[in-house]
Amino acid sequence: MTLTASEIPAAPPRPVPPPGRRGSARWTWRTLSPYAYLAPFFTLFAAFGLFPLLYTAFVSLYRVELQTPGVMEWRGLGNYTALLGDEYFWLALRNTFTIGVLSTVPQLVMALGLAHLLNYRMRGRTFLRTAVLLPYATSVAAATLVFAQLFGRDFGLINYALGLIGIDPVDWQNDTVASQIAVSTVVIWRWTGYNALIYLAGMQSIPHELYEAAAMDGASRWRQFFHVTLPGLRPTILFTVVVSTIGATQLFGEPLLLEGSVSGGISHQYQTLGLYMYEQGWGFFHLGRAAAIAWVMFLLIVVLVGVNALLARRRSRKEAGR
């Protein structure tokens, strides 16, 4: 004998557990568990990020020597005013800006073109996408030492190639412009592939229908690139500009290993703010002044990132008004 659906008795309702110690424990766990998952990150950030930042600001207000770090003499803003009167600080600031421009602009332009090529269907595309990331995976010390040999004045391969076309040897390590170009070349070689993959990921997120519509309207590949690809990559380009600006401000390894000196050449011609900070703290043992330089670099990065964000917001509002 089979029963119909209406004749099947309904299941009794599940009893609701009475409020008590077990219910309050569940509520407490559901409320606090997200904070427990986030606690390791904030703990590490406070220990290795926030505390060093605040302690550096504290040390920058004192005269502290590396030999006697426990002896601190109050100076207030004296370390900062001393920087404003130091010609080597302004030279390092100018070198940082020049090397940053020489390395960032060609790097992002080349990365954009390389990503545009890798976005097409071609044989070995996966291998090429992996190969462009190899310079980024290479140690900065190994890469810079190799480039130091390539840019050697007497036996460097670059000067040998220039001599084949009748150009005199270039003193890549002592000439101001040449040394900054050499440092920028190492930075471009290491970071172009990394930014190219970021641009490639942004290109693949652009709807393919936009390219089809542009092709139907008779737009060439170049017009599609300028009118479809670049507008779609604007947030990605802004991100790479900000990250590259931060990296250029903190540039340290490449100029240090090019000649192996923290002074950045015999006349400080390619000494960056990072090298200048290291020279003051571990060369001249002035930890207080080195901390002041670190905070100047931090404030400089904040200003540059803020300017980039402000320009991007104004451009977005202008386009939205159209």
Protein backbone atom coordinates (compact mmCIF):
# COMPACT_ATOMS: atom_id res chain seq x y z
CA MET A 1 0.00 0.00 0.00
CA THR A 2 1.45 3.33 -1.05
CA LEU A 3 0.69 6.63 0.59
CA THR A 4 0.13 9.84 -1.27
CA ALA A 5 2.12 12.93 -0.55
CA SER A 6 -0.73 14.41 1.48
CA GLU A 7 -0.97 11.28 3.61
CA ILE A 8 2.73 11.18 4.57
CA PRO A 9 3.08 12.57 8.09
CA ALA A 10 5.21 15.67 8.39
CA ALA A 11 8.51 15.43 10.21
CA PRO A 12 8.44 16.91 13.66
CA PRO A 13 10.19 20.30 13.92
CA ARG A 14 13.78 20.23 15.13
CA PRO A 15 14.05 21.49 18.63
CA VAL A 16 15.73 24.88 19.00
CA PRO A 17 18.58 24.68 21.50
CA PRO A 18 17.85 26.78 24.52
CA PRO A 19 20.02 29.84 25.00
CA GLY A 20 22.83 29.06 27.32
CA ARG A 21 26.57 28.66 27.58
CA ARG A 22 26.84 26.69 24.30
CA GLY A 23 24.80 29.25 22.33
CA SER A 24 26.79 32.17 23.65
CA ALA A 25 30.04 30.36 22.80
CA ARG A 26 28.90 29.89 19.21
CA TRP A 27 27.89 33.53 18.95
CA THR A 28 31.23 34.63 20.38
CA TRP A 29 33.16 32.42 17.94
CA ARG A 30 31.20 33.65 14.91
CA THR A 31 31.78 37.23 15.96
CA LEU A 32 35.46 36.98 16.79
CA SER A 33 36.65 34.40 14.24
CA PRO A 34 37.17 36.96 11.42
CA TYR A 35 39.43 38.97 13.71
CA ALA A 36 41.28 35.80 14.68
CA TYR A 37 41.96 35.04 11.00
CA LEU A 38 43.24 38.57 10.42
CA ALA A 39 45.27 38.76 13.62
CA PRO A 40 48.47 37.14 12.22
CA PHE A 41 48.68 39.70 9.41
CA PHE A 42 48.14 42.69 11.69
CA THR A 43 50.56 41.27 14.24
CA LEU A 44 53.32 40.91 11.64
CA PHE A 45 52.50 44.31 10.16
CA ALA A 46 52.68 45.96 13.58
CA ALA A 47 55.97 44.23 14.42
CA PHE A 48 57.79 44.65 11.10
CA GLY A 49 55.98 47.58 9.50
CA LEU A 50 54.31 50.01 11.87
CA PHE A 51 56.78 49.81 14.76
CA PRO A 52 59.91 50.36 12.60
CA LEU A 53 58.16 53.27 10.88
CA LEU A 54 57.26 54.99 14.16
CA TYR A 55 60.60 54.19 15.77
CA THR A 56 62.44 55.65 12.76
CA ALA A 57 60.44 58.85 13.15
CA PHE A 58 61.40 58.90 16.85
CA VAL A 59 65.11 58.36 16.13
CA SER A 60 65.10 61.07 13.45
CA LEU A 61 64.54 63.65 16.18
CA TYR A 62 67.74 62.72 18.04
CA ARG A 63 71.46 62.65 17.45
CA VAL A 64 72.30 58.94 17.54
CA GLU A 65 75.61 57.40 16.56
CA LEU A 66 76.04 53.80 15.44
CA GLN A 67 78.85 53.17 17.95
CA THR A 68 76.68 54.28 20.90
CA PRO A 69 73.03 53.65 19.96
CA GLY A 70 71.92 53.98 23.59
CA VAL A 71 73.14 57.58 23.85
CA MET A 72 70.53 59.91 22.34
CA GLU A 73 70.71 63.71 22.22
CA TRP A 74 67.57 65.65 21.42
CA ARG A 75 67.78 67.65 18.19
CA GLY A 76 64.17 68.16 17.22
CA LEU A 77 64.06 69.00 13.53
CA GLY A 78 67.80 69.57 13.42
CA ASN A 79 68.46 66.46 11.34
CA TYR A 80 65.93 67.63 8.75
CA THR A 81 67.30 71.18 8.58
CA ALA A 82 70.80 69.75 8.21
CA LEU A 83 69.61 67.80 5.18
CA LEU A 84 68.27 70.96 3.56
CA GLY A 85 71.71 72.51 3.82
CA ASP A 86 73.59 69.46 2.52
CA GLU A 87 74.44 69.70 -1.17
CA TYR A 88 74.85 65.92 -1.42
CA PHE A 89 71.27 65.44 -0.28
CA TRP A 90 69.99 67.61 -3.13
CA LEU A 91 72.34 65.84 -5.53
CA ALA A 92 70.99 62.45 -4.41
CA LEU A 93 67.43 63.73 -4.75
CA ARG A 94 68.14 64.96 -8.28
CA ASN A 95 69.85 61.69 -9.22
CA THR A 96 66.89 59.72 -7.88
CA PHE A 97 64.50 61.75 -10.00
CA THR A 98 66.66 61.51 -13.13
CA ILE A 99 67.29 57.78 -12.85
CA GLY A 100 63.62 57.26 -12.03
CA VAL A 101 62.53 58.99 -15.22
CA LEU A 102 65.19 57.26 -17.34
CA SER A 103 64.15 53.85 -16.05
CA THR A 104 60.39 54.17 -15.54
CA VAL A 105 59.27 55.79 -18.81
CA PRO A 106 61.08 53.43 -21.26
CA GLN A 107 60.30 50.48 -19.03
CA LEU A 108 56.53 51.02 -19.08
CA VAL A 109 56.46 51.88 -22.79
CA MET A 110 58.40 48.73 -23.68
CA ALA A 111 56.27 46.64 -21.33
CA LEU A 112 53.10 47.95 -22.98
CA GLY A 113 54.36 47.08 -26.45
CA LEU A 114 55.59 43.68 -25.34
CA ALA A 115 52.24 42.88 -23.73
CA HIS A 116 50.46 43.94 -26.92
CA LEU A 117 52.53 41.45 -28.91
CA LEU A 118 52.04 38.65 -26.40
CA ASN A 119 48.31 39.21 -26.50
CA TYR A 120 48.15 37.90 -30.10
CA ARG A 121 47.89 34.23 -30.90
CA MET A 122 51.30 32.90 -31.87
CA ARG A 123 53.36 29.77 -31.53
CA GLY A 124 55.18 29.38 -28.26
CA ARG A 125 53.13 32.10 -26.60
CA THR A 126 53.21 30.37 -23.21
CA PHE A 127 56.99 29.97 -23.38
CA LEU A 128 57.44 33.64 -24.30
CA ARG A 129 55.20 34.75 -21.44
CA THR A 130 57.33 32.73 -19.05
CA ALA A 131 60.59 33.93 -20.58
CA VAL A 132 59.80 37.63 -20.12
CA LEU A 133 59.54 37.02 -16.37
CA LEU A 134 63.00 35.46 -16.04
CA PRO A 135 64.85 38.78 -15.55
CA TYR A 136 62.54 39.58 -12.62
CA ALA A 137 63.34 36.19 -11.06
CA THR A 138 67.09 36.79 -11.44
CA SER A 139 68.98 38.04 -8.41
CA VAL A 140 69.60 41.78 -8.50
CA ALA A 141 73.20 41.18 -7.41
CA ALA A 142 73.91 38.73 -10.22
CA ALA A 143 72.20 40.90 -12.85
CA THR A 144 74.00 44.08 -11.79
CA LEU A 145 77.41 42.41 -11.69
CA VAL A 146 76.90 41.10 -15.22
CA PHE A 147 75.86 44.54 -16.46
CA ALA A 148 78.86 46.08 -14.69
CA GLN A 149 81.07 43.88 -16.84
CA LEU A 150 79.12 44.76 -19.97
CA PHE A 151 79.50 48.48 -19.24
CA GLY A 152 83.22 48.26 -18.46
CA ARG A 153 85.26 51.10 -19.90
CA ASP A 154 88.25 49.12 -21.20
CA PHE A 155 87.00 45.58 -21.78
CA GLY A 156 83.24 45.96 -21.73
CA LEU A 157 81.16 44.43 -24.48
CA ILE A 158 79.13 47.62 -24.94
CA ASN A 159 82.20 49.73 -25.69
CA TYR A 160 83.53 46.99 -27.96
CA ALA A 161 80.31 47.11 -29.99
CA LEU A 162 80.45 50.91 -30.11
CA GLY A 163 84.03 50.74 -31.34
CA LEU A 164 82.94 48.57 -34.28
CA ILE A 165 80.83 51.47 -35.58
CA GLY A 166 83.47 54.11 -34.91
CA ILE A 167 82.29 55.50 -31.56
CA ASP A 168 84.87 56.20 -28.87
CA PRO A 169 84.69 54.22 -25.60
CA VAL A 170 82.29 55.63 -23.01
CA ASP A 171 83.24 55.87 -19.33
CA TRP A 172 80.00 54.31 -18.07
CA GLN A 173 80.92 54.46 -14.39
CA ASN A 174 82.44 57.94 -14.08
CA ASP A 175 80.48 60.04 -16.54
CA THR A 176 77.27 61.48 -15.04
CA VAL A 177 74.82 60.84 -17.87
CA ALA A 178 76.41 57.54 -18.94
CA SER A 179 76.43 56.12 -15.40
CA GLN A 180 72.78 57.01 -14.87
CA ILE A 181 71.90 55.38 -18.19
CA ALA A 182 73.80 52.26 -17.12
CA VAL A 183 71.88 52.05 -13.84
CA SER A 184 68.59 52.67 -15.63
CA THR A 185 69.38 49.91 -18.12
CA VAL A 186 69.65 47.35 -15.32
CA VAL A 187 66.32 48.49 -13.87
CA ILE A 188 64.65 48.35 -17.29
CA TRP A 189 65.98 44.86 -17.96
CA ARG A 190 64.72 43.51 -14.62
CA TRP A 191 61.23 45.05 -14.50
CA THR A 192 60.00 45.29 -18.10
CA GLY A 193 58.79 41.69 -18.24
CA TYR A 194 57.06 41.97 -14.87
CA ASN A 195 55.07 45.01 -15.98
CA ALA A 196 54.40 43.38 -19.35
CA LEU A 197 52.60 40.48 -17.67
CA ILE A 198 50.54 42.93 -15.62
CA TYR A 199 49.53 44.76 -18.81
CA LEU A 200 48.81 41.43 -20.49
CA ALA A 201 46.42 40.46 -17.70
CA GLY A 202 44.69 43.83 -18.09
CA MET A 203 44.39 43.39 -21.86
CA GLN A 204 42.77 40.00 -21.48
CA SER A 205 40.08 41.52 -19.27
CA ILE A 206 38.98 43.92 -22.05
CA PRO A 207 35.85 42.54 -23.77
CA HIS A 208 36.63 41.09 -27.20
CA GLU A 209 33.39 42.59 -28.55
CA LEU A 210 34.97 46.04 -28.43
CA TYR A 211 37.70 44.94 -30.83
CA GLU A 212 35.16 43.30 -33.13
CA ALA A 213 33.07 46.46 -33.21
CA ALA A 214 36.15 48.57 -33.92
CA ALA A 215 37.19 46.20 -36.72
CA MET A 216 33.73 46.39 -38.26
CA ASP A 217 34.00 50.18 -38.26
CA GLY A 218 37.24 49.88 -40.23
CA ALA A 219 39.69 50.63 -37.38
CA SER A 220 43.20 49.37 -37.96
CA ARG A 221 45.28 47.54 -35.39
CA TRP A 222 46.92 50.82 -34.33
CA ARG A 223 43.57 52.58 -33.92
CA GLN A 224 42.25 49.65 -31.90
CA PHE A 225 45.31 49.89 -29.67
CA PHE A 226 44.92 53.63 -29.03
CA HIS A 227 41.12 53.79 -28.81
CA VAL A 228 40.27 50.43 -27.21
CA THR A 229 43.32 48.98 -25.46
CA LEU A 230 44.73 52.10 -23.83
CA PRO A 231 41.40 53.34 -22.38
CA GLY A 232 40.73 49.86 -21.01
CA LEU A 233 44.19 49.70 -19.45
CA ARG A 234 44.03 53.10 -17.74
CA PRO A 235 43.62 51.70 -14.18
CA THR A 236 46.39 49.16 -14.81
CA ILE A 237 48.71 51.83 -16.20
CA LEU A 238 48.05 53.99 -13.14
CA PHE A 239 48.92 51.05 -10.88
CA THR A 240 52.22 50.36 -12.66
CA VAL A 241 53.12 54.06 -12.63
CA VAL A 242 52.57 54.25 -8.86
CA VAL A 243 54.50 51.02 -8.17
CA SER A 244 57.36 52.03 -10.47
CA THR A 245 57.53 55.46 -8.83
CA ILE A 246 57.83 53.86 -5.41
CA GLY A 247 60.50 51.49 -6.70
CA ALA A 248 62.48 54.32 -8.31
CA THR A 249 62.42 56.31 -5.07
CA GLN A 250 63.77 53.34 -3.12
CA LEU A 251 66.40 52.37 -5.71
CA PHE A 252 69.39 50.89 -3.91
CA GLY A 253 70.81 47.58 -5.17
CA GLU A 254 71.52 48.49 -8.79
CA PRO A 255 73.57 51.67 -8.16
CA LEU A 256 75.34 50.07 -5.20
CA LEU A 257 76.57 47.03 -7.11
CA LEU A 258 77.42 48.82 -10.35
CA GLU A 259 80.71 50.02 -8.85
CA GLY A 260 80.51 48.62 -5.33
CA SER A 261 80.53 52.02 -3.62
CA VAL A 262 77.84 53.71 -1.50
CA SER A 263 79.01 57.12 -2.72
CA GLY A 264 77.55 56.49 -6.18
CA GLY A 265 80.71 57.22 -8.16
CA ILE A 266 83.71 59.43 -7.60
CA SER A 267 81.58 62.58 -7.76
CA HIS A 268 78.30 61.11 -6.43
CA GLN A 269 76.98 61.24 -9.99
CA TYR A 270 74.52 58.36 -9.54
CA GLN A 271 74.06 58.28 -5.77
CA THR A 272 70.37 57.84 -4.99
CA LEU A 273 68.51 58.64 -1.78
CA GLY A 274 68.80 55.00 -0.76
CA LEU A 275 72.59 55.06 -1.11
CA TYR A 276 72.79 58.44 0.61
CA MET A 277 70.81 57.09 3.58
CA TYR A 278 73.06 54.01 3.80
CA GLU A 279 76.18 56.17 3.61
CA GLN A 280 75.02 58.43 6.42
CA GLY A 281 73.93 55.59 8.69
CA TRP A 282 76.52 52.88 8.10
CA GLY A 283 79.33 54.87 6.49
CA PHE A 284 79.40 57.95 8.73
CA PHE A 285 77.51 56.26 11.63
CA HIS A 286 74.85 59.01 11.88
CA LEU A 287 71.74 56.96 12.60
CA GLY A 288 69.62 59.99 13.43
CA ARG A 289 70.30 61.62 10.08
CA ALA A 290 69.77 58.32 8.26
CA ALA A 291 66.38 58.01 9.97
CA ALA A 292 65.52 61.54 8.83
CA ILE A 293 66.43 60.61 5.24
CA ALA A 294 64.23 57.53 5.48
CA TRP A 295 61.28 59.66 6.54
CA VAL A 296 61.96 62.16 3.77
CA MET A 297 61.82 59.26 1.30
CA PHE A 298 58.57 58.07 2.86
CA LEU A 299 56.97 61.51 2.63
CA LEU A 300 58.24 61.89 -0.93
CA ILE A 301 56.57 58.60 -1.91
CA VAL A 302 53.31 59.70 -0.26
CA VAL A 303 53.38 62.98 -2.18
CA LEU A 304 54.13 61.30 -5.53
CA VAL A 305 51.42 58.68 -5.06
CA GLY A 306 48.98 61.39 -4.03
CA VAL A 307 49.78 63.46 -7.12
CA ASN A 308 49.29 60.44 -9.38
CA ALA A 309 45.96 59.63 -7.72
CA LEU A 310 44.82 63.25 -7.97
CA LEU A 311 45.66 63.46 -11.68
CA ALA A 312 43.88 60.17 -12.35
CA ARG A 313 40.78 61.34 -10.46
CA ARG A 314 40.68 64.66 -12.28
CA ARG A 315 41.00 62.89 -15.61
CA SER A 316 38.20 60.49 -14.70
CA ARG A 317 35.91 63.35 -13.68
CA LYS A 318 36.73 65.22 -16.86
CA GLU A 319 35.87 62.21 -19.02
CA ALA A 320 32.70 61.57 -17.03
CA GLY A 321 31.66 65.19 -17.64
CA ARG A 322 31.96 64.70 -21.33
